[in-house]
Amino acid sequence: MKRLQNIFIFLASLILSATAFASPSEGKQYTLLEKPYSTEYQVDKFFSLTCMPCWQMTELLKDKEGSGELELHRTHVIFNDSTLQAAGIYYTVLAQKPDLSHELLSELFSLVQTKKPLQETDIDAFFREHNLVKQEDMTQTQQQQWAKFMEDAVSKTEQASISSIPSFVINGRYIVKLRGHRSMEELLETIQYLKEQ
């Protein structure tokens, strides 16, 4: 009986280890975009400052990004008036601080999600605190960059058919299905796998 139990445990561990290291599969962990787009970035993370799960995902990935293990390009979606306002704020900051720190990004999430409704005075105070200017007071170069960011956000969101966030698009071709993953490690494995395709 003891031997049969040991054999069962051994077989169960083999099955579990085989499934743990299985390659991600199309339809379960990712799908192909109907309309792939060209991009200079391997990993596009679609998000909104209005989205609590996006903020949580940002916090979960902070160490991987900080170590350089994961490089993300963020695209702020524009679905409606609230995401339009949040995108405007995000890209105003990004045009002035291209190397946006995790701390400042976290403060942006906090600003948008804790100030309900978000008032101009809240935005002005945030900009003053961080030595930023409002979009209309930026330099002409910064305003052009802001306009390009906004245009690209709308275009990529539509082309990738993003309907829920956070979402990850790899190489402009694959969209990762978050629900197809049981852990952050599995998600990162899928992203790495698709980057190499």
C-alpha atoms as a PDB file:
ATOM      1  CA  MET A   1       0.000   0.000   0.000  1.00  0.00           C
ATOM      2  CA  LYS A   2       2.811   2.392   0.883  1.00  0.00           C
ATOM      3  CA  ARG A   3       4.518   1.638  -2.447  1.00  0.00           C
ATOM      4  CA  LEU A   4       1.282   2.336  -4.367  1.00  0.00           C
ATOM      5  CA  GLN A   5       0.927   5.630  -2.517  1.00  0.00           C
ATOM      6  CA  ASN A   6       4.518   6.603  -3.406  1.00  0.00           C
ATOM      7  CA  ILE A   7       3.916   5.757  -7.069  1.00  0.00           C
ATOM      8  CA  PHE A   8       0.740   7.857  -7.056  1.00  0.00           C
ATOM      9  CA  ILE A   9       2.589  10.813  -5.504  1.00  0.00           C
ATOM     10  CA  PHE A  10       5.396  10.455  -8.050  1.00  0.00           C
ATOM     11  CA  LEU A  11       2.955  10.379 -10.990  1.00  0.00           C
ATOM     12  CA  ALA A  12       1.009  13.333  -9.615  1.00  0.00           C
ATOM     13  CA  SER A  13       4.213  15.361  -9.276  1.00  0.00           C
ATOM     14  CA  LEU A  14       5.192  14.480 -12.862  1.00  0.00           C
ATOM     15  CA  ILE A  15       1.816  15.632 -14.156  1.00  0.00           C
ATOM     16  CA  LEU A  16       1.978  18.847 -12.151  1.00  0.00           C
ATOM     17  CA  SER A  17       5.525  19.628 -13.252  1.00  0.00           C
ATOM     18  CA  ALA A  18       4.625  18.947 -16.900  1.00  0.00           C
ATOM     19  CA  THR A  19       1.677  21.329 -16.773  1.00  0.00           C
ATOM     20  CA  ALA A  20       3.628  23.955 -14.832  1.00  0.00           C
ATOM     21  CA  PHE A  21       6.226  24.270 -17.587  1.00  0.00           C
ATOM     22  CA  ALA A  22       3.947  23.818 -20.585  1.00  0.00           C
ATOM     23  CA  SER A  23       4.173  26.489 -23.263  1.00  0.00           C
ATOM     24  CA  PRO A  24       1.332  28.987 -23.320  1.00  0.00           C
ATOM     25  CA  SER A  25      -1.367  28.035 -25.788  1.00  0.00           C
ATOM     26  CA  GLU A  26      -3.325  30.186 -28.201  1.00  0.00           C
ATOM     27  CA  GLY A  27      -6.914  30.587 -27.059  1.00  0.00           C
ATOM     28  CA  LYS A  28      -6.090  29.906 -23.413  1.00  0.00           C
ATOM     29  CA  GLN A  29      -3.244  32.260 -22.448  1.00  0.00           C
ATOM     30  CA  TYR A  30      -3.265  34.507 -25.519  1.00  0.00           C
ATOM     31  CA  THR A  31      -4.949  35.236 -28.824  1.00  0.00           C
ATOM     32  CA  LEU A  32      -3.776  36.723 -32.089  1.00  0.00           C
ATOM     33  CA  LEU A  33      -4.987  40.237 -32.786  1.00  0.00           C
ATOM     34  CA  GLU A  34      -7.361  40.466 -35.716  1.00  0.00           C
ATOM     35  CA  LYS A  35      -5.502  43.576 -36.865  1.00  0.00           C
ATOM     36  CA  PRO A  36      -1.858  43.450 -35.769  1.00  0.00           C
ATOM     37  CA  TYR A  37      -0.087  46.808 -35.651  1.00  0.00           C
ATOM     38  CA  SER A  38       3.537  47.779 -36.052  1.00  0.00           C
ATOM     39  CA  THR A  39       5.260  48.961 -32.913  1.00  0.00           C
ATOM     40  CA  GLU A  40       8.744  49.638 -31.684  1.00  0.00           C
ATOM     41  CA  TYR A  41       7.807  48.149 -28.289  1.00  0.00           C
ATOM     42  CA  GLN A  42       7.714  44.472 -27.403  1.00  0.00           C
ATOM     43  CA  VAL A  43       5.169  44.864 -24.599  1.00  0.00           C
ATOM     44  CA  ASP A  44       2.338  47.392 -24.693  1.00  0.00           C
ATOM     45  CA  LYS A  45       0.391  47.602 -21.440  1.00  0.00           C
ATOM     46  CA  PHE A  46      -3.038  49.154 -21.976  1.00  0.00           C
ATOM     47  CA  PHE A  47      -4.336  50.797 -18.820  1.00  0.00           C
ATOM     48  CA  SER A  48      -6.163  53.767 -17.364  1.00  0.00           C
ATOM     49  CA  LEU A  49      -5.453  55.847 -14.295  1.00  0.00           C
ATOM     50  CA  THR A  50      -9.166  55.369 -13.507  1.00  0.00           C
ATOM     51  CA  CYS A  51      -8.767  51.568 -13.264  1.00  0.00           C
ATOM     52  CA  MET A  52      -8.073  50.038  -9.821  1.00  0.00           C
ATOM     53  CA  PRO A  53      -6.923  46.647 -11.251  1.00  0.00           C
ATOM     54  CA  CYS A  54      -4.477  48.589 -13.466  1.00  0.00           C
ATOM     55  CA  TRP A  55      -3.019  50.264 -10.383  1.00  0.00           C
ATOM     56  CA  GLN A  56      -2.786  46.892  -8.610  1.00  0.00           C
ATOM     57  CA  MET A  57      -1.069  45.313 -11.641  1.00  0.00           C
ATOM     58  CA  THR A  58       1.391  48.214 -11.747  1.00  0.00           C
ATOM     59  CA  GLU A  59       2.266  47.561  -8.106  1.00  0.00           C
ATOM     60  CA  LEU A  60       2.648  43.819  -8.726  1.00  0.00           C
ATOM     61  CA  LEU A  61       5.021  44.411 -11.655  1.00  0.00           C
ATOM     62  CA  LYS A  62       7.010  47.203  -9.977  1.00  0.00           C
ATOM     63  CA  ASP A  63       9.995  45.030  -8.982  1.00  0.00           C
ATOM     64  CA  LYS A  64      10.219  43.317 -12.380  1.00  0.00           C
ATOM     65  CA  GLU A  65      10.199  46.684 -14.120  1.00  0.00           C
ATOM     66  CA  GLY A  66      12.627  48.235 -11.638  1.00  0.00           C
ATOM     67  CA  SER A  67      15.141  45.425 -12.167  1.00  0.00           C
ATOM     68  CA  GLY A  68      14.886  45.757 -15.957  1.00  0.00           C
ATOM     69  CA  GLU A  69      13.548  42.211 -16.242  1.00  0.00           C
ATOM     70  CA  LEU A  70      10.307  43.531 -17.735  1.00  0.00           C
ATOM     71  CA  GLU A  71      10.133  46.558 -19.996  1.00  0.00           C
ATOM     72  CA  LEU A  72       6.632  47.935 -20.563  1.00  0.00           C
ATOM     73  CA  HIS A  73       5.358  50.670 -22.803  1.00  0.00           C
ATOM     74  CA  ARG A  74       2.169  52.069 -21.320  1.00  0.00           C
ATOM     75  CA  THR A  75      -0.741  53.109 -23.506  1.00  0.00           C
ATOM     76  CA  HIS A  76      -3.514  54.945 -21.701  1.00  0.00           C
ATOM     77  CA  VAL A  77      -6.850  53.866 -23.178  1.00  0.00           C
ATOM     78  CA  ILE A  78      -9.536  56.347 -24.108  1.00  0.00           C
ATOM     79  CA  PHE A  79     -13.008  54.807 -23.835  1.00  0.00           C
ATOM     80  CA  ASN A  80     -15.120  57.645 -22.442  1.00  0.00           C
ATOM     81  CA  ASP A  81     -14.957  61.096 -20.834  1.00  0.00           C
ATOM     82  CA  SER A  82     -13.293  59.929 -17.599  1.00  0.00           C
ATOM     83  CA  THR A  83     -10.561  57.976 -19.400  1.00  0.00           C
ATOM     84  CA  LEU A  84     -10.118  60.903 -21.807  1.00  0.00           C
ATOM     85  CA  GLN A  85      -9.503  63.268 -18.867  1.00  0.00           C
ATOM     86  CA  ALA A  86      -7.139  60.771 -17.193  1.00  0.00           C
ATOM     87  CA  ALA A  87      -5.241  60.192 -20.457  1.00  0.00           C
ATOM     88  CA  GLY A  88      -4.844  63.943 -20.872  1.00  0.00           C
ATOM     89  CA  ILE A  89      -3.316  64.201 -17.388  1.00  0.00           C
ATOM     90  CA  TYR A  90      -1.081  61.146 -17.886  1.00  0.00           C
ATOM     91  CA  TYR A  91       0.280  62.337 -21.226  1.00  0.00           C
ATOM     92  CA  THR A  92       0.762  65.884 -19.899  1.00  0.00           C
ATOM     93  CA  VAL A  93       3.036  64.430 -17.221  1.00  0.00           C
ATOM     94  CA  LEU A  94       4.751  62.043 -19.658  1.00  0.00           C
ATOM     95  CA  ALA A  95       5.495  64.854 -22.145  1.00  0.00           C
ATOM     96  CA  GLN A  96       7.322  66.692 -19.359  1.00  0.00           C
ATOM     97  CA  LYS A  97       8.844  63.697 -17.575  1.00  0.00           C
ATOM     98  CA  PRO A  98       9.561  61.006 -20.198  1.00  0.00           C
ATOM     99  CA  ASP A  99      11.323  58.858 -17.586  1.00  0.00           C
ATOM    100  CA  LEU A 100       8.218  58.681 -15.432  1.00  0.00           C
ATOM    101  CA  SER A 101       9.140  57.115 -12.089  1.00  0.00           C
ATOM    102  CA  HIS A 102       7.048  54.417 -10.476  1.00  0.00           C
ATOM    103  CA  GLU A 103       6.439  56.728  -7.522  1.00  0.00           C
ATOM    104  CA  LEU A 104       5.048  59.505  -9.715  1.00  0.00           C
ATOM    105  CA  LEU A 105       2.895  57.018 -11.646  1.00  0.00           C
ATOM    106  CA  SER A 106       1.513  55.709  -8.354  1.00  0.00           C
ATOM    107  CA  GLU A 107       0.740  59.265  -7.265  1.00  0.00           C
ATOM    108  CA  LEU A 108      -1.118  59.811 -10.565  1.00  0.00           C
ATOM    109  CA  PHE A 109      -3.245  56.725  -9.904  1.00  0.00           C
ATOM    110  CA  SER A 110      -3.938  58.017  -6.408  1.00  0.00           C
ATOM    111  CA  LEU A 111      -4.865  61.493  -7.652  1.00  0.00           C
ATOM    112  CA  VAL A 112      -7.356  60.188 -10.195  1.00  0.00           C
ATOM    113  CA  GLN A 113      -8.859  57.446  -8.027  1.00  0.00           C
ATOM    114  CA  THR A 114      -9.113  59.159  -4.659  1.00  0.00           C
ATOM    115  CA  LYS A 115     -10.335  62.598  -5.711  1.00  0.00           C
ATOM    116  CA  LYS A 116     -13.935  61.985  -6.730  1.00  0.00           C
ATOM    117  CA  PRO A 117     -14.915  63.991  -8.599  1.00  0.00           C
ATOM    118  CA  LEU A 118     -11.494  65.142  -9.751  1.00  0.00           C
ATOM    119  CA  GLN A 119     -11.399  68.946  -9.734  1.00  0.00           C
ATOM    120  CA  GLU A 120      -9.150  71.332 -11.667  1.00  0.00           C
ATOM    121  CA  THR A 121      -7.815  72.578  -8.324  1.00  0.00           C
ATOM    122  CA  ASP A 122      -6.670  69.010  -7.479  1.00  0.00           C
ATOM    123  CA  ILE A 123      -4.881  68.727 -10.827  1.00  0.00           C
ATOM    124  CA  ASP A 124      -3.296  72.184 -10.456  1.00  0.00           C
ATOM    125  CA  ALA A 125      -2.044  71.335  -6.953  1.00  0.00           C
ATOM    126  CA  PHE A 126      -0.580  68.033  -8.197  1.00  0.00           C
ATOM    127  CA  PHE A 127       1.222  69.787 -11.062  1.00  0.00           C
ATOM    128  CA  ARG A 128       2.616  72.495  -8.740  1.00  0.00           C
ATOM    129  CA  GLU A 129       3.812  69.878  -6.250  1.00  0.00           C
ATOM    130  CA  HIS A 130       5.728  68.058  -9.000  1.00  0.00           C
ATOM    131  CA  ASN A 131       7.039  71.133 -10.848  1.00  0.00           C
ATOM    132  CA  LEU A 132       4.833  70.463 -13.862  1.00  0.00           C
ATOM    133  CA  VAL A 133       2.729  72.789 -15.980  1.00  0.00           C
ATOM    134  CA  LYS A 134      -0.724  72.260 -17.419  1.00  0.00           C
ATOM    135  CA  GLN A 135      -1.016  70.988 -20.974  1.00  0.00           C
ATOM    136  CA  GLU A 136      -1.842  74.412 -22.409  1.00  0.00           C
ATOM    137  CA  ASP A 137       1.279  75.916 -20.745  1.00  0.00           C
ATOM    138  CA  MET A 138       3.729  73.320 -22.089  1.00  0.00           C
ATOM    139  CA  THR A 139       6.297  74.190 -24.746  1.00  0.00           C
ATOM    140  CA  GLN A 140       5.296  73.743 -28.372  1.00  0.00           C
ATOM    141  CA  THR A 141       7.464  70.612 -28.601  1.00  0.00           C
ATOM    142  CA  GLN A 142       5.815  69.141 -25.495  1.00  0.00           C
ATOM    143  CA  GLN A 143       2.345  69.968 -26.841  1.00  0.00           C
ATOM    144  CA  GLN A 144       3.171  68.225 -30.112  1.00  0.00           C
ATOM    145  CA  GLN A 145       4.407  65.200 -28.152  1.00  0.00           C
ATOM    146  CA  TRP A 146       1.215  65.259 -26.054  1.00  0.00           C
ATOM    147  CA  ALA A 147      -0.949  65.346 -29.197  1.00  0.00           C
ATOM    148  CA  LYS A 148       0.983  62.406 -30.680  1.00  0.00           C
ATOM    149  CA  PHE A 149       0.616  60.420 -27.440  1.00  0.00           C
ATOM    150  CA  MET A 150      -3.149  61.038 -27.432  1.00  0.00           C
ATOM    151  CA  GLU A 151      -3.520  60.155 -31.124  1.00  0.00           C
ATOM    152  CA  ASP A 152      -1.467  56.964 -30.720  1.00  0.00           C
ATOM    153  CA  ALA A 153      -3.502  55.957 -27.657  1.00  0.00           C
ATOM    154  CA  VAL A 154      -6.789  56.213 -29.551  1.00  0.00           C
ATOM    155  CA  SER A 155      -5.371  54.466 -32.606  1.00  0.00           C
ATOM    156  CA  LYS A 156      -3.754  51.561 -30.728  1.00  0.00           C
ATOM    157  CA  THR A 157      -6.764  51.044 -28.453  1.00  0.00           C
ATOM    158  CA  GLU A 158      -9.067  50.806 -31.473  1.00  0.00           C
ATOM    159  CA  GLN A 159      -6.724  48.726 -33.610  1.00  0.00           C
ATOM    160  CA  ALA A 160      -6.060  46.204 -30.823  1.00  0.00           C
ATOM    161  CA  SER A 161      -9.801  46.149 -29.992  1.00  0.00           C
ATOM    162  CA  ILE A 162      -9.050  46.705 -26.316  1.00  0.00           C
ATOM    163  CA  SER A 163     -12.275  46.306 -24.366  1.00  0.00           C
ATOM    164  CA  SER A 164     -10.952  45.570 -20.871  1.00  0.00           C
ATOM    165  CA  ILE A 165      -7.961  46.712 -18.900  1.00  0.00           C
ATOM    166  CA  PRO A 166      -5.301  46.061 -17.909  1.00  0.00           C
ATOM    167  CA  SER A 167      -4.336  44.365 -21.160  1.00  0.00           C
ATOM    168  CA  PHE A 168      -0.976  43.373 -22.582  1.00  0.00           C
ATOM    169  CA  VAL A 169      -0.212  43.277 -26.312  1.00  0.00           C
ATOM    170  CA  ILE A 170       3.047  41.648 -27.310  1.00  0.00           C
ATOM    171  CA  ASN A 171       4.887  42.682 -30.491  1.00  0.00           C
ATOM    172  CA  GLY A 172       1.686  44.316 -31.755  1.00  0.00           C
ATOM    173  CA  ARG A 173       0.402  40.815 -32.547  1.00  0.00           C
ATOM    174  CA  TYR A 174      -0.684  38.890 -29.469  1.00  0.00           C
ATOM    175  CA  ILE A 175      -3.056  39.885 -26.686  1.00  0.00           C
ATOM    176  CA  VAL A 176      -2.494  38.148 -23.378  1.00  0.00           C
ATOM    177  CA  LYS A 177      -5.583  36.686 -21.699  1.00  0.00           C
ATOM    178  CA  LEU A 178      -5.172  37.523 -18.021  1.00  0.00           C
ATOM    179  CA  ARG A 179      -7.811  35.008 -16.931  1.00  0.00           C
ATOM    180  CA  GLY A 180      -5.798  32.219 -18.531  1.00  0.00           C
ATOM    181  CA  HIS A 181      -3.140  32.557 -15.841  1.00  0.00           C
ATOM    182  CA  ARG A 182      -3.135  31.310 -12.268  1.00  0.00           C
ATOM    183  CA  SER A 183      -0.208  33.385 -11.049  1.00  0.00           C
ATOM    184  CA  MET A 184       1.971  36.360 -11.829  1.00  0.00           C
ATOM    185  CA  GLU A 185       4.781  33.949 -12.713  1.00  0.00           C
ATOM    186  CA  GLU A 186       2.598  32.293 -15.361  1.00  0.00           C
ATOM    187  CA  LEU A 187       1.685  35.702 -16.783  1.00  0.00           C
ATOM    188  CA  LEU A 188       5.347  36.684 -16.989  1.00  0.00           C
ATOM    189  CA  GLU A 189       6.201  33.344 -18.627  1.00  0.00           C
ATOM    190  CA  THR A 190       3.540  33.951 -21.284  1.00  0.00           C
ATOM    191  CA  ILE A 191       4.802  37.475 -21.934  1.00  0.00           C
ATOM    192  CA  GLN A 192       8.381  36.183 -22.273  1.00  0.00           C
ATOM    193  CA  TYR A 193       7.261  33.341 -24.552  1.00  0.00           C
ATOM    194  CA  LEU A 194       5.352  35.708 -26.855  1.00  0.00           C
ATOM    195  CA  LYS A 195       8.223  38.214 -26.968  1.00  0.00           C
ATOM    196  CA  GLU A 196      10.346  35.463 -28.507  1.00  0.00           C
ATOM    197  CA  GLN A 197       7.808  34.540 -31.199  1.00  0.00           C
END
